[in-house]
Amino acid sequence: MTVEVNYYTTDNVAVQWANAAIAKTDYSSSGLSVVGMIGSDNTTGIKNYPMHIREAIITSSIRQTSPWMCDTNFIVVTVSADIDLHPLCVPLIRLQGLTGSATGDSATFAVALDYNGTTRTSTGTWVQGSGSLEVAHPSQTQTIPTGINVVIRFDLTNKAVAQLSPHISLAIVLDDVLHDPTTHSVASMGLPADASSLDDTAWNARTACGKSSGDAQPLQIRAVAFNSSSSIGSDSANPCALTTVTVTLRTTGPVFTDCVPKFTLSGMSNTATSDAVLSLTGSNAFEAAGVWTQNNGTLVVTLKGLIFKGCVDHVFNFSLTNIPLERHSASSVPLSTGSPAVILADVASILGISSALLHRMLHSLFTLTLNFCIHSPQCGLADPVRGD
């Protein structure tokens, strides 16, 4: 840019002065210093400088509503800019790095946009592998003034795998079609410092477990396992008698039917009960029947409702027929979370005998396995998540 000045001196002599060309990014050296230079620290002056286009400063934050495997997870993003956003620039919001969900690619991904007290639905483009979402900014239809928060809400399905929150970035892309698009990005998105943003009612409906500081951070997923208070016991040691087996299960978090979980109780060998569908009583958490296999002493039970609530005891009963042989057992044996050798030592300690003797006797070895197979009757994971 150049400026030319023509004037006359007091003795009517014509004078012309012209400055050197000024690059739009260089305000430190120019002939304009004769008439008053706009300093680079003068934000008001720079804002009004002819044809000066500056980069927008973007402020954003992101949070989630659930850290649990296979749960529907509502993601909430808040974004604002320190400039007016005009329809002519066709602003686009680009979110990247939300990896680790079970939500597949979609070119018509549903989102809700809140701004200026208005809520409207829209669609964007979601790519699962890169965890990216592109959605039109509301300013494509109307000017959004400086500093106005736009809240984007959408839901993802959490995978059946525990993970830490990934690194997520956000940018606003401006493209007036006539020029190259420009990307105005935020260095880092704001993350919740604690779990206070999680709704207590929704949380308590899923679990009695306490909240942790990272639970509201996007796509941070908690591991779920069996609590040490899980146990199994029976009410009769008489040969050939019908015995009622009582199982108490407690998990460190909720389990959802979207994970297609299989609760497998195994190691109950040495019974006279043939393969059958056994009646289950005492619990509203499981279906009324479980599949029993005599050969390996296995009972598979399935959830009755949508959620197996975490950090509470779930108790159910079923009946087996004892064999006509002597065996030793405890009235209630904890379902250990260790290796088979550890479990064996635990049982032997309870009985007051050696592990070697326990090996030689016809004892039941109780273990419990929880396999998560998300969105499929068969496990689609290379290594099923085990809550044993």
Protein backbone atom coordinates (compact mmCIF):
# COMPACT_ATOMS: atom_id res chain seq x y z
CA MET A 1 0.00 0.00 0.00
CA THR A 2 1.30 3.47 -0.81
CA VAL A 3 0.22 6.94 0.23
CA GLU A 4 0.84 10.07 -1.86
CA VAL A 5 0.63 13.61 -0.48
CA ASN A 6 0.48 16.80 -2.64
CA TYR A 7 0.66 20.21 -1.01
CA TYR A 8 1.94 23.78 -1.46
CA THR A 9 4.49 25.56 0.66
CA THR A 10 3.88 29.03 2.03
CA ASP A 11 5.54 30.49 -1.08
CA ASN A 12 3.19 28.50 -3.40
CA VAL A 13 5.78 25.90 -4.43
CA ALA A 14 4.16 22.56 -5.34
CA VAL A 15 5.55 19.62 -3.34
CA GLN A 16 4.84 15.90 -3.71
CA TRP A 17 5.78 13.18 -1.20
CA ALA A 18 5.15 9.43 -1.46
CA ASN A 19 6.02 6.67 0.99
CA ALA A 20 7.51 3.28 0.21
CA ALA A 21 5.19 0.31 -0.20
CA ILE A 22 3.99 -1.12 3.11
CA ALA A 23 3.55 -4.85 3.60
CA LYS A 24 0.41 -5.60 5.58
CA THR A 25 2.41 -7.54 8.17
CA ASP A 26 5.14 -4.95 8.64
CA TYR A 27 4.18 -1.83 10.56
CA SER A 28 7.64 -0.91 11.85
CA SER A 29 9.22 0.86 8.86
CA SER A 30 7.48 3.19 6.45
CA GLY A 31 7.41 6.75 5.23
CA LEU A 32 4.14 7.10 7.10
CA SER A 33 6.14 7.69 10.26
CA VAL A 34 6.29 11.32 9.11
CA VAL A 35 2.55 11.68 9.58
CA GLY A 36 2.11 9.25 12.47
CA MET A 37 2.94 5.55 12.46
CA ILE A 38 0.45 2.94 13.73
CA GLY A 39 2.41 0.85 16.21
CA SER A 40 2.07 -2.94 16.16
CA ASP A 41 0.97 -2.83 19.79
CA ASN A 42 -1.87 -0.45 18.99
CA THR A 43 -4.65 -3.03 18.59
CA THR A 44 -7.31 -0.39 17.98
CA GLY A 45 -5.24 1.27 15.29
CA ILE A 46 -4.33 -2.03 13.60
CA LYS A 47 -7.98 -3.10 13.65
CA ASN A 48 -8.87 -0.03 11.60
CA TYR A 49 -5.84 -0.11 9.32
CA PRO A 50 -6.86 -0.35 5.63
CA MET A 51 -7.18 -3.97 4.44
CA HIS A 52 -5.60 -5.41 7.58
CA ILE A 53 -7.03 -8.92 8.12
CA ARG A 54 -6.04 -10.56 11.36
CA GLU A 55 -6.29 -14.07 12.69
CA ALA A 56 -9.20 -14.78 15.01
CA ILE A 57 -8.60 -15.86 18.58
CA ILE A 58 -10.73 -18.93 19.29
CA THR A 59 -11.81 -20.02 22.78
CA SER A 60 -13.25 -23.49 23.26
CA SER A 61 -13.95 -26.23 25.79
CA ILE A 62 -15.17 -29.83 25.64
CA ARG A 63 -16.65 -32.35 28.09
CA GLN A 64 -18.52 -35.67 28.17
CA THR A 65 -21.42 -37.09 30.15
CA SER A 66 -20.31 -40.72 30.70
CA PRO A 67 -16.98 -42.51 31.25
CA TRP A 68 -18.55 -46.00 31.08
CA MET A 69 -17.95 -48.72 28.50
CA CYS A 70 -20.69 -49.05 25.85
CA ASP A 71 -22.74 -46.18 27.26
CA THR A 72 -24.20 -43.42 25.09
CA ASN A 73 -21.89 -40.48 25.67
CA PHE A 74 -23.08 -36.92 25.02
CA ILE A 75 -20.22 -34.65 23.98
CA VAL A 76 -20.61 -30.91 24.67
CA VAL A 77 -18.35 -28.41 22.87
CA THR A 78 -18.41 -24.65 23.52
CA VAL A 79 -16.68 -22.28 21.08
CA SER A 80 -16.47 -18.51 20.60
CA ALA A 81 -14.36 -16.10 18.55
CA ASP A 82 -13.09 -12.58 19.24
CA ILE A 83 -14.35 -11.41 15.84
CA ASP A 84 -17.75 -11.18 14.22
CA LEU A 85 -18.38 -14.26 12.08
CA HIS A 86 -20.15 -13.41 8.82
CA PRO A 87 -22.08 -15.63 6.40
CA LEU A 88 -19.85 -14.46 3.52
CA CYS A 89 -16.91 -16.38 5.06
CA VAL A 90 -18.97 -19.62 5.28
CA PRO A 91 -17.53 -20.51 8.74
CA LEU A 92 -16.99 -24.23 9.40
CA ILE A 93 -16.22 -25.82 12.77
CA ARG A 94 -13.65 -28.61 12.58
CA LEU A 95 -13.10 -30.89 15.57
CA GLN A 96 -10.31 -33.49 15.45
CA GLY A 97 -8.86 -36.19 17.72
CA LEU A 98 -12.02 -37.68 19.29
CA THR A 99 -10.67 -41.19 18.80
CA GLY A 100 -11.74 -44.36 20.58
CA SER A 101 -15.51 -44.33 20.13
CA ALA A 102 -17.65 -47.09 18.63
CA THR A 103 -19.61 -44.67 16.41
CA GLY A 104 -19.14 -45.36 12.71
CA ASP A 105 -18.55 -42.89 9.87
CA SER A 106 -21.48 -40.70 8.85
CA ALA A 107 -21.96 -37.93 6.29
CA THR A 108 -25.24 -36.95 7.99
CA PHE A 109 -24.11 -36.96 11.62
CA ALA A 110 -26.73 -35.39 13.90
CA VAL A 111 -25.70 -32.38 16.01
CA ALA A 112 -27.54 -29.73 18.01
CA LEU A 113 -26.38 -26.10 17.98
CA ASP A 114 -27.20 -23.66 20.79
CA TYR A 115 -26.49 -19.93 20.49
CA ASN A 116 -28.14 -16.65 21.50
CA GLY A 117 -30.87 -18.61 23.29
CA THR A 118 -31.69 -20.51 20.12
CA THR A 119 -31.37 -24.26 19.53
CA ARG A 120 -31.47 -25.86 16.11
CA THR A 121 -30.56 -29.26 14.72
CA SER A 122 -28.04 -29.76 11.95
CA THR A 123 -25.85 -32.44 10.43
CA GLY A 124 -22.12 -32.74 9.99
CA THR A 125 -19.52 -35.17 8.71
CA TRP A 126 -18.11 -37.65 11.24
CA VAL A 127 -15.05 -39.87 10.61
CA GLN A 128 -14.51 -42.54 13.27
CA GLY A 129 -10.83 -43.36 12.60
CA SER A 130 -9.52 -39.80 13.04
CA GLY A 131 -12.27 -38.81 15.45
CA SER A 132 -13.09 -35.76 13.32
CA LEU A 133 -16.31 -33.80 13.01
CA GLU A 134 -17.02 -30.96 10.58
CA VAL A 135 -20.20 -28.96 10.98
CA ALA A 136 -21.42 -25.65 9.59
CA HIS A 137 -21.11 -22.76 12.04
CA PRO A 138 -24.46 -21.02 12.69
CA SER A 139 -22.95 -17.84 11.23
CA GLN A 140 -23.39 -19.34 7.77
CA THR A 141 -26.96 -18.07 7.95
CA GLN A 142 -26.58 -15.03 10.21
CA THR A 143 -23.78 -12.92 11.66
CA ILE A 144 -22.65 -14.15 15.08
CA PRO A 145 -21.19 -11.22 17.05
CA THR A 146 -17.85 -11.25 18.83
CA GLY A 147 -17.72 -13.37 21.98
CA ILE A 148 -21.03 -15.21 21.51
CA ASN A 149 -20.77 -18.83 22.66
CA VAL A 150 -21.92 -21.51 20.27
CA VAL A 151 -22.58 -24.87 21.99
CA ILE A 152 -22.39 -28.04 19.89
CA ARG A 153 -23.95 -31.22 21.27
CA PHE A 154 -23.74 -34.70 19.80
CA ASP A 155 -23.58 -38.26 21.05
CA LEU A 156 -21.04 -41.04 20.59
CA THR A 157 -21.08 -44.64 21.81
CA ASN A 158 -18.18 -45.55 24.08
CA LYS A 159 -16.15 -48.61 23.17
CA ALA A 160 -15.85 -51.66 25.42
CA VAL A 161 -12.22 -50.73 26.08
CA ALA A 162 -10.83 -48.51 28.83
CA GLN A 163 -8.78 -45.52 27.65
CA LEU A 164 -7.49 -42.09 28.65
CA SER A 165 -8.91 -38.98 27.05
CA PRO A 166 -7.24 -38.34 23.66
CA HIS A 167 -5.76 -35.01 22.54
CA ILE A 168 -8.51 -33.02 20.79
CA SER A 169 -8.18 -29.85 18.71
CA LEU A 170 -10.70 -27.38 17.29
CA ALA A 171 -10.55 -24.86 14.48
CA ILE A 172 -12.87 -22.50 12.62
CA VAL A 173 -12.29 -22.53 8.86
CA LEU A 174 -13.24 -19.44 6.83
CA ASP A 175 -13.73 -19.82 3.09
CA ASP A 176 -15.33 -17.14 0.91
CA VAL A 177 -14.76 -19.30 -2.23
CA LEU A 178 -12.82 -16.47 -3.93
CA HIS A 179 -9.70 -16.95 -1.78
CA ASP A 180 -7.84 -19.80 -0.15
CA PRO A 181 -9.52 -21.04 3.06
CA THR A 182 -7.97 -19.85 6.32
CA THR A 183 -7.91 -21.92 9.50
CA HIS A 184 -8.23 -20.21 12.85
CA SER A 185 -7.40 -22.77 15.51
CA VAL A 186 -7.22 -22.91 19.28
CA ALA A 187 -3.94 -24.03 20.85
CA SER A 188 -5.66 -26.27 23.39
CA MET A 189 -9.26 -26.95 24.31
CA GLY A 190 -10.40 -26.42 27.86
CA LEU A 191 -11.01 -29.67 29.76
CA PRO A 192 -13.03 -30.17 32.95
CA ALA A 193 -10.84 -29.98 36.03
CA ASP A 194 -13.19 -32.28 37.96
CA ALA A 195 -16.37 -34.32 37.54
CA SER A 196 -18.77 -31.67 38.86
CA SER A 197 -20.33 -31.17 35.39
CA LEU A 198 -21.64 -34.77 35.38
CA ASP A 199 -25.35 -34.92 36.12
CA ASP A 200 -25.97 -36.57 39.51
CA THR A 201 -29.33 -38.07 38.53
CA ALA A 202 -27.98 -39.79 35.43
CA TRP A 203 -24.86 -40.92 37.29
CA ASN A 204 -26.79 -42.41 40.23
CA ALA A 205 -29.12 -44.28 37.88
CA ARG A 206 -26.09 -46.11 36.47
CA THR A 207 -23.88 -46.68 39.46
CA ALA A 208 -23.33 -46.22 43.17
CA CYS A 209 -19.59 -45.78 42.50
CA GLY A 210 -18.00 -42.42 43.24
CA LYS A 211 -16.89 -39.97 40.57
CA SER A 212 -13.23 -39.46 39.64
CA SER A 213 -11.56 -36.26 38.50
CA GLY A 214 -11.12 -37.36 34.87
CA ASP A 215 -14.63 -38.75 34.36
CA ALA A 216 -15.88 -35.66 32.48
CA GLN A 217 -12.93 -35.50 30.08
CA PRO A 218 -13.99 -36.50 26.54
CA LEU A 219 -13.75 -40.22 25.73
CA GLN A 220 -11.95 -41.08 28.95
CA ILE A 221 -13.36 -44.55 29.59
CA ARG A 222 -13.14 -46.40 32.90
CA ALA A 223 -12.24 -50.07 33.21
CA VAL A 224 -14.85 -52.32 34.84
CA ALA A 225 -14.00 -55.43 36.88
CA PHE A 226 -15.52 -57.56 39.62
CA ASN A 227 -15.24 -56.20 43.11
CA SER A 228 -13.55 -58.33 45.78
CA SER A 229 -16.87 -58.64 47.64
CA SER A 230 -18.24 -60.93 44.89
CA SER A 231 -18.76 -64.42 46.33
CA ILE A 232 -20.42 -67.83 45.91
CA GLY A 233 -21.75 -70.35 48.42
CA SER A 234 -24.20 -73.26 48.81
CA ASP A 235 -26.55 -74.38 51.56
CA SER A 236 -26.03 -78.18 51.60
CA ALA A 237 -23.07 -80.56 51.66
CA ASN A 238 -25.16 -83.74 51.80
CA PRO A 239 -24.48 -86.36 49.08
CA CYS A 240 -27.12 -86.45 46.35
CA ALA A 241 -28.96 -83.53 47.94
CA LEU A 242 -30.36 -80.59 46.02
CA THR A 243 -28.29 -77.59 47.03
CA THR A 244 -29.10 -73.93 46.50
CA VAL A 245 -26.13 -71.97 45.19
CA THR A 246 -26.07 -68.27 46.06
CA VAL A 247 -23.96 -65.89 43.97
CA THR A 248 -23.24 -62.27 44.92
CA LEU A 249 -21.81 -60.08 42.17
CA ARG A 250 -20.54 -56.51 42.45
CA THR A 251 -18.70 -54.65 39.68
CA THR A 252 -16.58 -51.50 39.85
CA GLY A 253 -18.84 -49.79 37.31
CA PRO A 254 -22.06 -50.30 35.36
CA VAL A 255 -22.34 -52.88 32.57
CA PHE A 256 -24.60 -52.08 29.61
CA THR A 257 -26.50 -54.46 27.36
CA ASP A 258 -25.00 -52.63 24.35
CA CYS A 259 -21.78 -54.43 25.28
CA VAL A 260 -23.65 -57.75 24.83
CA PRO A 261 -22.05 -59.00 28.06
CA LYS A 262 -21.82 -62.66 29.07
CA PHE A 263 -21.58 -63.40 32.77
CA THR A 264 -19.92 -66.82 32.97
CA LEU A 265 -19.58 -68.70 36.25
CA SER A 266 -17.32 -71.71 35.73
CA GLY A 267 -15.51 -74.44 37.66
CA MET A 268 -18.58 -75.91 39.39
CA SER A 269 -17.64 -79.49 38.49
CA ASN A 270 -18.65 -82.63 40.38
CA THR A 271 -22.38 -82.08 40.27
CA ALA A 272 -25.04 -84.54 39.19
CA THR A 273 -27.01 -81.91 37.27
CA SER A 274 -27.07 -82.59 33.54
CA ASP A 275 -26.94 -79.90 30.86
CA ALA A 276 -30.04 -77.76 31.24
CA VAL A 277 -31.53 -74.31 31.36
CA LEU A 278 -31.56 -73.53 35.07
CA SER A 279 -34.04 -71.30 36.83
CA LEU A 280 -32.50 -68.21 38.46
CA THR A 281 -34.20 -66.49 41.38
CA GLY A 282 -33.57 -63.57 43.70
CA SER A 283 -32.40 -60.89 41.26
CA ASN A 284 -34.02 -58.42 38.90
CA ALA A 285 -30.68 -57.85 37.17
CA PHE A 286 -30.61 -61.14 35.25
CA GLU A 287 -32.95 -63.10 33.03
CA ALA A 288 -34.90 -65.82 34.86
CA ALA A 289 -32.89 -68.65 33.31
CA GLY A 290 -29.21 -69.47 32.77
CA VAL A 291 -27.52 -72.01 30.50
CA TRP A 292 -25.84 -74.81 32.49
CA THR A 293 -23.13 -77.12 31.09
CA GLN A 294 -22.29 -80.07 33.34
CA ASN A 295 -18.96 -81.11 31.79
CA ASN A 296 -17.06 -77.99 32.80
CA GLY A 297 -19.48 -76.80 35.46
CA THR A 298 -20.37 -73.59 33.66
CA LEU A 299 -23.38 -71.31 34.04
CA VAL A 300 -23.92 -68.42 31.62
CA VAL A 301 -26.38 -65.70 32.63
CA THR A 302 -27.54 -62.61 30.74
CA LEU A 303 -28.73 -59.19 31.78
CA LYS A 304 -32.44 -58.53 32.05
CA GLY A 305 -32.41 -54.74 31.82
CA LEU A 306 -30.31 -52.18 29.99
CA ILE A 307 -27.90 -51.64 32.88
CA PHE A 308 -26.15 -53.81 35.47
CA LYS A 309 -25.72 -51.13 38.12
CA GLY A 310 -22.18 -50.69 39.40
CA CYS A 311 -20.92 -50.80 42.98
CA VAL A 312 -24.03 -52.53 44.37
CA ASP A 313 -24.56 -56.20 45.24
CA HIS A 314 -26.54 -58.30 42.78
CA VAL A 315 -27.58 -61.65 44.30
CA PHE A 316 -29.11 -64.62 42.50
CA ASN A 317 -29.75 -68.27 43.31
CA PHE A 318 -29.96 -71.53 41.39
CA SER A 319 -30.07 -75.22 42.32
CA LEU A 320 -27.70 -78.11 41.58
CA THR A 321 -27.68 -81.74 42.71
CA ASN A 322 -24.67 -82.91 44.70
CA ILE A 323 -22.74 -86.01 43.65
CA PRO A 324 -22.69 -89.06 46.04
CA LEU A 325 -18.99 -88.48 46.91
CA GLU A 326 -17.27 -86.68 49.73
CA ARG A 327 -16.01 -83.23 48.97
CA HIS A 328 -14.93 -80.23 50.98
CA SER A 329 -16.26 -76.73 50.52
CA ALA A 330 -16.64 -73.46 52.34
CA SER A 331 -20.04 -71.98 53.03
CA SER A 332 -19.06 -68.89 51.04
CA VAL A 333 -16.01 -68.63 48.79
CA PRO A 334 -14.86 -65.23 47.50
CA LEU A 335 -14.59 -64.97 43.72
CA SER A 336 -10.94 -64.02 43.53
CA THR A 337 -9.66 -61.70 40.82
CA GLY A 338 -6.25 -63.36 40.68
CA SER A 339 -4.81 -66.26 38.68
CA PRO A 340 -6.12 -69.85 39.13
CA ALA A 341 -3.14 -70.62 41.39
CA VAL A 342 -4.06 -67.68 43.61
CA ILE A 343 -7.71 -68.72 43.69
CA LEU A 344 -6.70 -72.27 44.62
CA ALA A 345 -4.54 -71.02 47.46
CA ASP A 346 -7.41 -68.81 48.68
CA VAL A 347 -9.82 -71.74 48.78
CA ALA A 348 -7.26 -74.03 50.46
CA SER A 349 -6.62 -71.40 53.12
CA ILE A 350 -10.33 -71.12 53.85
CA LEU A 351 -10.61 -74.90 54.17
CA GLY A 352 -7.49 -75.18 56.32
CA ILE A 353 -5.78 -77.71 54.01
CA SER A 354 -2.82 -77.68 51.63
CA SER A 355 -3.12 -76.73 47.97
CA ALA A 356 -1.68 -80.14 47.03
CA LEU A 357 -4.42 -81.94 48.95
CA LEU A 358 -6.99 -79.69 47.36
CA HIS A 359 -5.70 -80.74 43.94
CA ARG A 360 -6.24 -84.41 44.77
CA MET A 361 -9.77 -83.94 46.01
CA LEU A 362 -12.89 -83.41 43.97
CA HIS A 363 -13.42 -79.73 44.62
CA SER A 364 -15.17 -77.10 42.61
CA LEU A 365 -12.92 -74.23 41.56
CA PHE A 366 -15.07 -71.15 41.15
CA THR A 367 -14.09 -68.42 38.70
CA LEU A 368 -16.09 -65.65 37.10
CA THR A 369 -15.55 -64.13 33.70
CA LEU A 370 -17.26 -61.15 32.10
CA ASN A 371 -16.79 -60.82 28.35
CA PHE A 372 -17.78 -57.62 26.55
CA CYS A 373 -18.71 -58.04 22.88
CA ILE A 374 -19.94 -54.67 21.69
CA HIS A 375 -22.86 -54.64 19.25
CA SER A 376 -22.44 -58.31 18.35
CA PRO A 377 -23.60 -61.64 19.79
CA GLN A 378 -20.05 -62.85 19.23
CA CYS A 379 -16.98 -61.05 20.52
CA GLY A 380 -15.73 -58.72 17.82
CA LEU A 381 -12.66 -57.77 19.85
CA ALA A 382 -9.31 -59.44 19.37
CA ASP A 383 -8.98 -59.76 23.13
CA PRO A 384 -12.35 -59.72 24.93
CA VAL A 385 -12.46 -57.49 27.98
CA ARG A 386 -12.45 -59.77 31.00
CA GLY A 387 -13.74 -58.78 34.39
CA ASP A 388 -12.37 -61.87 36.12
